[in-house]
Amino acid sequence: MVGYEKGEMLIMNKEMNKSSGIQNVQKERVKNRWFLSYLFSNAAGGLSSPLIPLYIIFYLHLSVFYVGFASAVASTAAVPAVIFWGNLSDSIGKRKIFLMIGFFGSSLSLMMIIFVHQLFTFLGVLVVFQLISMASTPVATLLILENSQESEWPNVISQFNIVSYVGLIIGLFIGTVFLTFNSKNNGFALPFLYIFSGIVYFVAGVSVITLLKESKEKLARGDLDHINSVRLTERIRYFPTSILHIAKSSIYKSGKPLLKRTKFYIALTGLLMFGFQMFFVPYPVYIADILNGSETIIFIMYLFNNVLSALAFIFSGKFSRKYGLRYILNLSIISRVAIVFAAVFCVFYGIKELTVSVALYSIMGFFWSFISIAWVTSISKVALPENRGKAIGWYNSVLGIGQIGGAIISGIISEILGFGYDFVISIIILIIGGIMISTVTPSKGSRSIENI
């Protein structure tokens, strides 16, 4: 009888634990419904992210120089903005209000596109958009951590990344479909995509009000040096969904200074990003001007680029742990150099096969997840544990500088010398930067690779 009662109690305990587990999962799902806000906001970003080159080429009828210039201006506005909003959110100790500012502000600024008929006003809209939209970027990771148990952080961050990337791809897909049926009406189609993006940002803001509760527990960024946030997208005009570590103005005055090897590694990531931008910024213009690619083709190109990057993100962390950071990073950079070399070959030999050119750009996206994870993890390894957050903060800033410089220089070189020579310079920079960074990237046996 006693054995029977014990058995019955064990069954009851198992049922209770099972029920409790289901309830906890359901609570987590309810708590994380605010992820929909980033699904909407990233969908809005997907709608508008390819529009800088398209608007300048097809709507304003300007050259590649102005594409590089506009990209650099927008990027320049974004870098200090994300630092400002991150520091302000830390000082105030609030998170929700910054999502509302970012999403509603993005909506309002993009609606201003109806007044744009020349480059100057277009740049004004881009700057206002970047200054306001960055309010939502630095608080996302903290919201995830503050609304989840520490044991669940890796899973919840992974879920957030997936939701965000799905939103981006949905936006790109909708933009592709829309332009497929309206590409002949440039005077209507491109401005409408900006306006529609603004509407979706407004929906994201409303969802924040209804789905997100301000977290009671507040975390300090300085206590989270063991957490790294990976840039999901490569170009700064599609700024990462979230940044945890932010460089402050007093960064050199607080804590231990960064090691020389840490500074050197961060500088090399900026150099490589400069080289990548030398290819990425003018390439859509090359597709349009030289290959007569339509707005729809360019949207498809961006869509495939991000889809392949998302697919690679699923297993890039596992591959990095299995084969080592140096091996994965070297392979990714070599692959990208080979792709740019193929583009150079097409330019100088007059190969105007649109499908091949779109495929080259799309495949480039596949290697970004490997590169991003390798960079962030390597910086965590070459930095002291007590200033790891500082190192990642500087990494975000230097990466932005590389993107700005690559954008403006690529526009100048492509305008004066042509696309082929711009791509050749990109190859040279990538080879030099790749060789140098390979010598300082931790090998597989240096230390155990941490989870991201």
Protein backbone atom coordinates (compact mmCIF):
# COMPACT_ATOMS: atom_id res chain seq x y z
CA MET A 1 0.00 0.00 0.00
CA VAL A 2 2.80 2.38 0.87
CA GLY A 3 4.59 1.58 -2.41
CA TYR A 4 1.39 2.25 -4.32
CA GLU A 5 0.97 5.62 -2.58
CA LYS A 6 4.59 6.57 -3.37
CA GLY A 7 4.08 5.60 -6.99
CA GLU A 8 0.91 7.62 -7.13
CA MET A 9 2.69 10.60 -5.58
CA LEU A 10 5.53 10.32 -8.15
CA ILE A 11 3.00 10.30 -10.98
CA MET A 12 1.23 13.29 -9.47
CA ASN A 13 4.55 15.16 -9.11
CA LYS A 14 5.46 14.39 -12.71
CA GLU A 15 2.07 15.64 -13.89
CA MET A 16 2.41 18.77 -11.77
CA ASN A 17 5.94 19.43 -13.10
CA LYS A 18 4.74 18.82 -16.64
CA SER A 19 1.82 21.16 -16.13
CA SER A 20 4.08 23.75 -14.52
CA GLY A 21 6.49 23.49 -17.46
CA ILE A 22 3.68 24.01 -19.96
CA GLN A 23 2.45 27.01 -17.99
CA ASN A 24 5.96 28.51 -17.93
CA VAL A 25 6.27 28.06 -21.70
CA GLN A 26 2.88 29.69 -22.18
CA LYS A 27 3.87 32.56 -19.91
CA GLU A 28 7.10 33.06 -21.87
CA ARG A 29 5.15 33.10 -25.12
CA VAL A 30 2.75 35.72 -23.76
CA LYS A 31 5.66 37.74 -22.36
CA ASN A 32 7.48 37.65 -25.68
CA ARG A 33 4.55 38.71 -27.84
CA TRP A 34 6.20 42.11 -28.10
CA PHE A 35 8.61 40.43 -30.55
CA LEU A 36 5.83 41.11 -33.07
CA SER A 37 6.79 44.78 -32.82
CA TYR A 38 10.18 43.94 -34.29
CA LEU A 39 8.58 41.66 -36.84
CA PHE A 40 6.61 44.68 -38.08
CA SER A 41 9.51 47.13 -37.78
CA ASN A 42 11.89 44.83 -39.64
CA ALA A 43 9.26 44.26 -42.32
CA ALA A 44 9.13 48.04 -42.67
CA GLY A 45 12.92 48.06 -42.86
CA GLY A 46 12.82 45.39 -45.56
CA LEU A 47 10.42 47.54 -47.59
CA SER A 48 12.66 50.60 -47.42
CA SER A 49 16.20 49.20 -47.11
CA PRO A 50 16.98 48.86 -50.86
CA LEU A 51 15.38 52.20 -51.70
CA ILE A 52 18.38 54.52 -51.32
CA PRO A 53 20.05 53.44 -54.59
CA LEU A 54 16.71 52.88 -56.34
CA TYR A 55 15.35 56.30 -55.41
CA ILE A 56 18.49 58.10 -56.50
CA ILE A 57 18.88 56.17 -59.77
CA PHE A 58 15.31 55.74 -60.98
CA TYR A 59 13.44 58.61 -59.29
CA LEU A 60 16.00 61.43 -58.97
CA HIS A 61 17.97 60.25 -62.04
CA LEU A 62 21.39 60.82 -60.45
CA SER A 63 24.67 58.90 -60.68
CA VAL A 64 26.54 56.40 -58.52
CA PHE A 65 28.45 59.19 -56.74
CA TYR A 66 25.22 60.39 -55.16
CA VAL A 67 24.30 56.86 -54.11
CA GLY A 68 27.58 56.60 -52.19
CA PHE A 69 27.16 60.09 -50.80
CA ALA A 70 23.59 59.48 -49.60
CA SER A 71 24.55 56.14 -48.02
CA ALA A 72 27.45 57.81 -46.21
CA VAL A 73 25.25 60.68 -44.96
CA ALA A 74 22.61 58.28 -43.64
CA SER A 75 25.25 56.11 -41.98
CA THR A 76 26.97 59.12 -40.44
CA ALA A 77 23.70 60.15 -38.81
CA ALA A 78 23.05 56.63 -37.51
CA VAL A 79 26.32 56.08 -35.64
CA PRO A 80 26.10 58.94 -33.09
CA ALA A 81 22.34 58.49 -32.86
CA VAL A 82 22.55 54.93 -31.58
CA ILE A 83 25.18 55.98 -29.02
CA PHE A 84 23.02 58.90 -27.86
CA TRP A 85 19.83 56.85 -27.49
CA GLY A 86 21.66 53.99 -25.76
CA ASN A 87 23.23 56.26 -23.18
CA LEU A 88 19.95 58.13 -22.67
CA SER A 89 18.00 54.92 -22.08
CA ASP A 90 20.59 53.84 -19.52
CA SER A 91 20.39 57.20 -17.72
CA ILE A 92 16.58 57.24 -17.59
CA GLY A 93 16.24 53.53 -16.90
CA LYS A 94 13.28 53.14 -19.26
CA ARG A 95 13.00 50.95 -22.36
CA LYS A 96 9.45 50.99 -23.76
CA ILE A 97 9.37 54.70 -24.48
CA PHE A 98 12.40 54.38 -26.77
CA LEU A 99 10.71 51.73 -28.88
CA MET A 100 7.74 54.05 -29.25
CA ILE A 101 9.98 56.97 -30.21
CA GLY A 102 11.86 54.83 -32.73
CA PHE A 103 8.83 53.28 -34.42
CA PHE A 104 6.46 56.25 -34.44
CA GLY A 105 9.33 58.58 -35.34
CA SER A 106 10.31 56.31 -38.24
CA SER A 107 6.73 56.34 -39.45
CA LEU A 108 6.47 60.12 -39.38
CA SER A 109 9.86 60.73 -41.00
CA LEU A 110 9.20 58.34 -43.90
CA MET A 111 5.86 60.00 -44.57
CA MET A 112 7.85 63.14 -45.38
CA ILE A 113 8.91 61.46 -48.62
CA ILE A 114 5.87 63.03 -50.30
CA PHE A 115 7.75 66.36 -50.20
CA VAL A 116 10.92 64.94 -51.79
CA HIS A 117 11.67 65.94 -55.38
CA GLN A 118 15.40 66.65 -55.19
CA LEU A 119 18.53 65.27 -53.54
CA PHE A 120 18.74 67.82 -50.73
CA THR A 121 15.29 67.08 -49.33
CA PHE A 122 15.88 63.32 -49.78
CA LEU A 123 19.04 63.56 -47.66
CA GLY A 124 17.06 65.48 -45.06
CA VAL A 125 14.50 62.69 -44.80
CA LEU A 126 17.26 60.07 -44.52
CA VAL A 127 19.02 61.97 -41.73
CA VAL A 128 15.83 62.57 -39.73
CA PHE A 129 14.86 58.92 -40.17
CA GLN A 130 18.22 57.63 -38.94
CA LEU A 131 18.37 60.03 -35.98
CA ILE A 132 14.94 58.99 -34.71
CA SER A 133 14.77 55.33 -35.73
CA MET A 134 17.95 54.48 -33.81
CA ALA A 135 16.05 55.03 -30.54
CA SER A 136 14.69 51.47 -30.75
CA THR A 137 18.03 49.79 -31.51
CA PRO A 138 20.07 49.79 -28.27
CA VAL A 139 17.20 48.80 -25.93
CA ALA A 140 16.08 45.61 -27.68
CA THR A 141 18.65 43.24 -26.16
CA LEU A 142 18.16 44.70 -22.69
CA LEU A 143 14.39 44.23 -23.00
CA ILE A 144 14.94 40.58 -23.88
CA LEU A 145 17.23 40.00 -20.90
CA GLU A 146 15.12 41.95 -18.43
CA ASN A 147 11.96 40.07 -19.39
CA SER A 148 13.48 36.57 -19.32
CA GLN A 149 15.16 34.28 -16.83
CA GLU A 150 18.93 34.12 -17.25
CA SER A 151 18.79 30.41 -18.06
CA GLU A 152 16.53 31.23 -21.02
CA TRP A 153 18.61 34.09 -22.45
CA PRO A 154 20.31 32.13 -25.27
CA ASN A 155 17.02 30.62 -26.46
CA VAL A 156 15.06 33.86 -26.23
CA ILE A 157 17.76 35.88 -28.03
CA SER A 158 17.79 33.23 -30.76
CA GLN A 159 13.98 33.44 -31.09
CA PHE A 160 14.18 37.23 -31.28
CA ASN A 161 16.83 37.06 -34.01
CA ILE A 162 14.70 34.66 -36.04
CA VAL A 163 11.56 36.80 -35.68
CA SER A 164 13.50 39.92 -36.69
CA TYR A 165 15.05 38.28 -39.72
CA VAL A 166 11.71 36.84 -40.83
CA GLY A 167 10.27 40.36 -40.67
CA LEU A 168 13.08 41.71 -42.86
CA ILE A 169 12.57 39.00 -45.46
CA ILE A 170 8.78 39.51 -45.45
CA GLY A 171 9.30 43.22 -46.13
CA LEU A 172 11.70 42.53 -49.00
CA PHE A 173 9.29 39.97 -50.45
CA ILE A 174 6.33 42.38 -50.31
CA GLY A 175 8.44 45.10 -51.94
CA THR A 176 9.48 42.69 -54.69
CA VAL A 177 5.90 41.67 -55.42
CA PHE A 178 4.70 45.27 -55.41
CA LEU A 179 7.38 46.46 -57.82
CA THR A 180 6.75 43.48 -60.10
CA PHE A 181 3.28 44.89 -60.84
CA ASN A 182 4.10 48.61 -60.59
CA SER A 183 7.69 49.01 -61.79
CA LYS A 184 6.64 50.99 -64.89
CA ASN A 185 5.27 53.79 -62.74
CA ASN A 186 8.41 55.06 -61.00
CA GLY A 187 6.74 58.32 -60.06
CA PHE A 188 4.32 56.37 -57.89
CA ALA A 189 5.93 53.05 -56.96
CA LEU A 190 9.10 54.11 -55.10
CA PRO A 191 7.53 56.91 -52.99
CA PHE A 192 4.64 54.58 -52.17
CA LEU A 193 7.04 51.96 -50.80
CA TYR A 194 8.46 54.57 -48.41
CA ILE A 195 4.94 55.57 -47.35
CA PHE A 196 3.87 51.95 -46.92
CA SER A 197 7.00 51.34 -44.86
CA GLY A 198 5.98 54.28 -42.67
CA ILE A 199 2.53 52.75 -42.17
CA VAL A 200 4.07 49.44 -41.08
CA TYR A 201 6.34 51.30 -38.64
CA PHE A 202 3.21 52.90 -37.18
CA VAL A 203 1.69 49.44 -36.70
CA ALA A 204 4.90 48.39 -34.93
CA GLY A 205 4.53 51.37 -32.58
CA VAL A 206 0.92 50.48 -31.78
CA SER A 207 1.93 46.89 -31.06
CA VAL A 208 4.54 48.15 -28.58
CA ILE A 209 1.84 50.02 -26.66
CA THR A 210 -0.46 47.00 -26.52
CA LEU A 211 2.00 44.10 -26.13
CA LEU A 212 5.00 45.34 -24.16
CA LYS A 213 5.09 45.98 -20.44
CA GLU A 214 7.96 47.96 -18.95
CA SER A 215 10.25 45.51 -17.18
CA LYS A 216 10.48 45.87 -13.41
CA GLU A 217 14.02 44.56 -13.21
CA LYS A 218 16.68 46.77 -14.78
CA LEU A 219 20.05 45.51 -15.95
CA ALA A 220 23.21 47.55 -16.42
CA ARG A 221 25.15 47.07 -19.65
CA GLY A 222 28.39 47.00 -17.69
CA ASP A 223 27.28 43.83 -15.91
CA LEU A 224 26.60 42.00 -19.18
CA ASP A 225 30.05 41.76 -20.73
CA HIS A 226 29.53 38.01 -21.20
CA ILE A 227 26.63 38.68 -23.59
CA ASN A 228 27.33 39.57 -27.23
CA SER A 229 24.83 40.76 -29.82
CA VAL A 230 25.63 39.82 -33.42
CA ARG A 231 24.85 42.17 -36.28
CA LEU A 232 22.15 40.46 -38.28
CA THR A 233 22.56 42.66 -41.31
CA GLU A 234 25.67 43.99 -42.91
CA ARG A 235 25.03 47.47 -44.19
CA ILE A 236 24.45 50.24 -41.69
CA ARG A 237 21.39 51.57 -43.45
CA TYR A 238 19.75 48.32 -42.30
CA PHE A 239 21.19 48.85 -38.85
CA PRO A 240 21.31 45.76 -36.63
CA THR A 241 18.12 44.96 -34.76
CA SER A 242 19.86 45.46 -31.46
CA ILE A 243 23.19 46.52 -29.99
CA LEU A 244 24.01 45.67 -26.41
CA HIS A 245 27.44 47.24 -25.94
CA ILE A 246 27.72 50.93 -26.85
CA ALA A 247 30.83 53.12 -26.92
CA LYS A 248 30.40 56.06 -24.54
CA SER A 249 32.15 59.40 -24.83
CA SER A 250 34.11 58.68 -21.65
CA ILE A 251 35.03 55.16 -22.69
CA TYR A 252 38.80 55.65 -22.37
CA LYS A 253 38.49 57.24 -18.94
CA SER A 254 36.61 54.37 -17.31
CA GLY A 255 37.99 50.94 -16.51
CA LYS A 256 41.10 49.35 -17.95
CA PRO A 257 42.24 50.50 -21.39
CA LEU A 258 41.91 48.09 -24.29
CA LEU A 259 44.89 45.93 -25.11
CA LYS A 260 46.87 46.77 -28.26
CA ARG A 261 45.88 43.46 -29.85
CA THR A 262 42.21 44.25 -29.15
CA LYS A 263 42.48 47.69 -30.77
CA PHE A 264 44.34 46.17 -33.73
CA TYR A 265 41.68 43.51 -34.26
CA ILE A 266 38.87 46.07 -34.09
CA ALA A 267 40.69 48.32 -36.58
CA LEU A 268 41.01 45.39 -39.00
CA THR A 269 37.26 44.70 -38.86
CA GLY A 270 36.73 48.35 -39.83
CA LEU A 271 39.16 47.98 -42.73
CA LEU A 272 37.42 44.85 -43.99
CA MET A 273 34.01 46.48 -43.69
CA PHE A 274 35.41 49.38 -45.72
CA GLY A 275 36.39 46.87 -48.42
CA PHE A 276 33.01 45.15 -48.36
CA GLN A 277 31.22 48.47 -48.77
CA MET A 278 33.41 49.29 -51.77
CA PHE A 279 31.56 46.44 -53.48
CA PHE A 280 28.11 46.58 -51.91
CA VAL A 281 27.25 50.27 -52.34
CA PRO A 282 27.86 50.71 -56.10
CA TYR A 283 26.82 47.20 -57.14
CA PRO A 284 23.05 47.93 -57.39
CA VAL A 285 23.92 50.93 -59.56
CA TYR A 286 26.07 48.67 -61.76
CA ILE A 287 23.10 46.32 -62.13
CA ALA A 288 20.83 49.22 -63.12
CA ASP A 289 23.17 51.29 -65.31
CA ILE A 290 25.29 48.67 -67.05
CA LEU A 291 23.02 45.61 -67.07
CA ASN A 292 19.71 47.52 -67.34
CA GLY A 293 18.34 45.76 -64.28
CA SER A 294 14.94 46.97 -63.08
CA GLU A 295 13.87 48.00 -59.59
CA THR A 296 12.28 44.57 -59.20
CA ILE A 297 15.54 42.79 -60.07
CA ILE A 298 17.42 44.83 -57.48
CA PHE A 299 14.79 44.06 -54.83
CA ILE A 300 15.07 40.35 -55.67
CA MET A 301 18.84 40.62 -55.32
CA TYR A 302 18.53 42.11 -51.84
CA LEU A 303 15.94 39.50 -50.92
CA PHE A 304 18.14 36.55 -51.89
CA ASN A 305 21.14 38.13 -50.16
CA ASN A 306 19.27 38.31 -46.86
CA VAL A 307 17.58 34.92 -47.19
CA LEU A 308 20.96 33.23 -47.63
CA SER A 309 22.39 35.20 -44.72
CA ALA A 310 19.47 34.06 -42.54
CA LEU A 311 19.95 30.42 -43.54
CA ALA A 312 23.66 30.60 -42.74
CA PHE A 313 22.93 32.19 -39.34
CA ILE A 314 21.11 29.03 -38.25
CA PHE A 315 24.26 26.90 -38.25
CA SER A 316 27.11 29.44 -38.38
CA GLY A 317 27.65 29.33 -34.61
CA LYS A 318 27.88 25.53 -34.61
CA PHE A 319 30.33 25.55 -37.52
CA SER A 320 32.48 28.16 -35.78
CA ARG A 321 32.75 25.98 -32.69
CA LYS A 322 33.45 22.84 -34.72
CA TYR A 323 36.08 24.15 -37.13
CA GLY A 324 37.44 27.16 -35.26
CA LEU A 325 37.09 30.89 -35.77
CA ARG A 326 40.21 31.37 -37.89
CA TYR A 327 39.27 28.65 -40.36
CA ILE A 328 35.68 29.89 -40.75
CA LEU A 329 36.73 33.53 -41.09
CA ASN A 330 39.47 32.77 -43.63
CA LEU A 331 37.11 30.63 -45.71
CA SER A 332 34.41 33.32 -45.67
CA ILE A 333 36.74 36.16 -46.67
CA ILE A 334 38.38 34.07 -49.42
CA SER A 335 34.93 33.18 -50.75
CA ARG A 336 33.91 36.83 -50.83
CA VAL A 337 37.13 37.84 -52.58
CA ALA A 338 36.43 35.16 -55.20
CA ILE A 339 32.92 36.55 -55.73
CA VAL A 340 34.17 40.12 -56.17
CA PHE A 341 36.86 38.82 -58.54
CA ALA A 342 34.11 37.14 -60.60
CA ALA A 343 32.30 40.50 -60.73
CA VAL A 344 35.51 42.19 -61.93
CA PHE A 345 35.86 39.54 -64.63
CA CYS A 346 32.30 40.22 -65.81
CA VAL A 347 32.90 43.98 -65.92
CA PHE A 348 36.16 43.97 -67.86
CA TYR A 349 35.16 41.20 -70.26
CA GLY A 350 31.76 42.71 -70.96
CA ILE A 351 29.76 39.76 -69.62
CA LYS A 352 26.29 41.20 -69.13
CA GLU A 353 24.47 38.16 -67.83
CA LEU A 354 21.98 39.58 -65.34
CA THR A 355 21.24 36.25 -63.64
CA VAL A 356 24.91 35.64 -62.90
CA SER A 357 25.41 39.13 -61.50
CA VAL A 358 22.37 38.85 -59.23
CA ALA A 359 23.58 35.44 -58.04
CA LEU A 360 27.01 36.84 -57.12
CA TYR A 361 25.51 39.53 -54.91
CA SER A 362 23.08 37.07 -53.34
CA ILE A 363 25.77 34.53 -52.45
CA MET A 364 27.80 37.27 -50.74
CA GLY A 365 25.08 37.41 -48.09
CA PHE A 366 25.60 33.76 -47.13
CA PHE A 367 29.02 34.46 -45.63
CA TRP A 368 28.04 37.46 -43.49
CA SER A 369 26.74 35.39 -40.57
CA PHE A 370 30.03 33.48 -40.36
CA ILE A 371 32.07 36.69 -40.51
CA SER A 372 29.95 38.53 -37.94
CA ILE A 373 30.05 35.68 -35.42
CA ALA A 374 33.79 35.18 -35.95
CA TRP A 375 34.48 38.88 -35.39
CA VAL A 376 32.39 39.27 -32.24
CA THR A 377 33.65 36.05 -30.67
CA SER A 378 37.28 36.83 -31.54
CA ILE A 379 37.04 40.30 -30.00
CA SER A 380 35.62 38.70 -26.85
CA LYS A 381 38.66 36.43 -26.76
CA VAL A 382 41.37 39.01 -27.45
CA ALA A 383 39.91 41.49 -24.93
CA LEU A 384 40.25 41.39 -21.17
CA PRO A 385 37.13 39.99 -19.45
CA GLU A 386 36.62 43.24 -17.53
CA ASN A 387 36.55 45.45 -20.64
CA ARG A 388 34.92 43.11 -23.13
CA GLY A 389 31.82 45.28 -23.31
CA LYS A 390 33.99 48.30 -24.05
CA ALA A 391 35.70 46.37 -26.85
CA ILE A 392 32.39 45.37 -28.44
CA GLY A 393 31.17 48.95 -28.12
CA TRP A 394 34.19 50.21 -30.03
CA TYR A 395 33.74 47.41 -32.55
CA ASN A 396 30.23 48.67 -33.35
CA SER A 397 31.52 52.22 -33.77
CA VAL A 398 34.54 51.30 -35.92
CA LEU A 399 32.37 49.08 -38.10
CA GLY A 400 30.14 52.09 -38.69
CA ILE A 401 33.15 54.22 -39.65
CA GLY A 402 34.25 51.56 -42.14
CA GLN A 403 30.79 51.51 -43.68
CA ILE A 404 30.69 55.30 -43.99
CA GLY A 405 34.14 55.51 -45.55
CA GLY A 406 33.49 52.65 -47.96
CA ALA A 407 30.23 54.21 -49.10
CA ILE A 408 31.62 57.62 -49.96
CA ILE A 409 34.91 56.41 -51.49
CA SER A 410 33.18 53.77 -53.63
CA GLY A 411 30.87 56.42 -55.07
CA ILE A 412 33.81 58.65 -56.00
CA ILE A 413 35.92 55.87 -57.56
CA SER A 414 33.00 54.35 -59.47
CA GLU A 415 32.09 57.77 -60.83
CA ILE A 416 35.61 58.67 -61.95
CA LEU A 417 37.26 55.34 -62.86
CA GLY A 418 34.27 53.03 -63.31
CA PHE A 419 32.78 50.07 -61.47
CA GLY A 420 35.51 47.60 -62.43
CA TYR A 421 38.31 49.61 -60.83
CA ASP A 422 36.24 50.15 -57.71
CA PHE A 423 35.78 46.40 -57.38
CA VAL A 424 39.53 45.83 -57.94
CA ILE A 425 40.35 48.19 -55.07
CA SER A 426 37.81 46.32 -52.95
CA ILE A 427 39.67 43.06 -53.67
CA ILE A 428 43.03 44.58 -52.72
CA ILE A 429 41.67 45.88 -49.40
CA LEU A 430 40.00 42.56 -48.60
CA ILE A 431 43.14 40.55 -49.35
CA ILE A 432 45.33 42.81 -47.20
CA GLY A 433 42.80 42.96 -44.37
CA GLY A 434 42.08 39.24 -44.60
CA ILE A 435 45.75 38.25 -44.32
CA MET A 436 46.31 40.59 -41.38
CA ILE A 437 43.23 39.56 -39.44
CA SER A 438 44.01 35.88 -39.95
CA THR A 439 47.23 36.31 -37.97
CA VAL A 440 45.40 37.62 -34.90
CA THR A 441 42.13 35.62 -35.03
CA PRO A 442 42.13 32.93 -32.31
CA SER A 443 42.60 29.41 -33.62
CA LYS A 444 40.43 26.48 -32.62
CA GLY A 445 42.65 25.37 -29.75
CA SER A 446 43.36 28.79 -28.26
CA ARG A 447 40.41 28.85 -25.85
CA SER A 448 36.96 27.33 -25.69
CA ILE A 449 34.52 29.16 -27.95
CA GLU A 450 31.71 30.76 -26.01
CA ASN A 451 28.06 30.71 -26.91
CA ILE A 452 26.75 33.83 -28.52
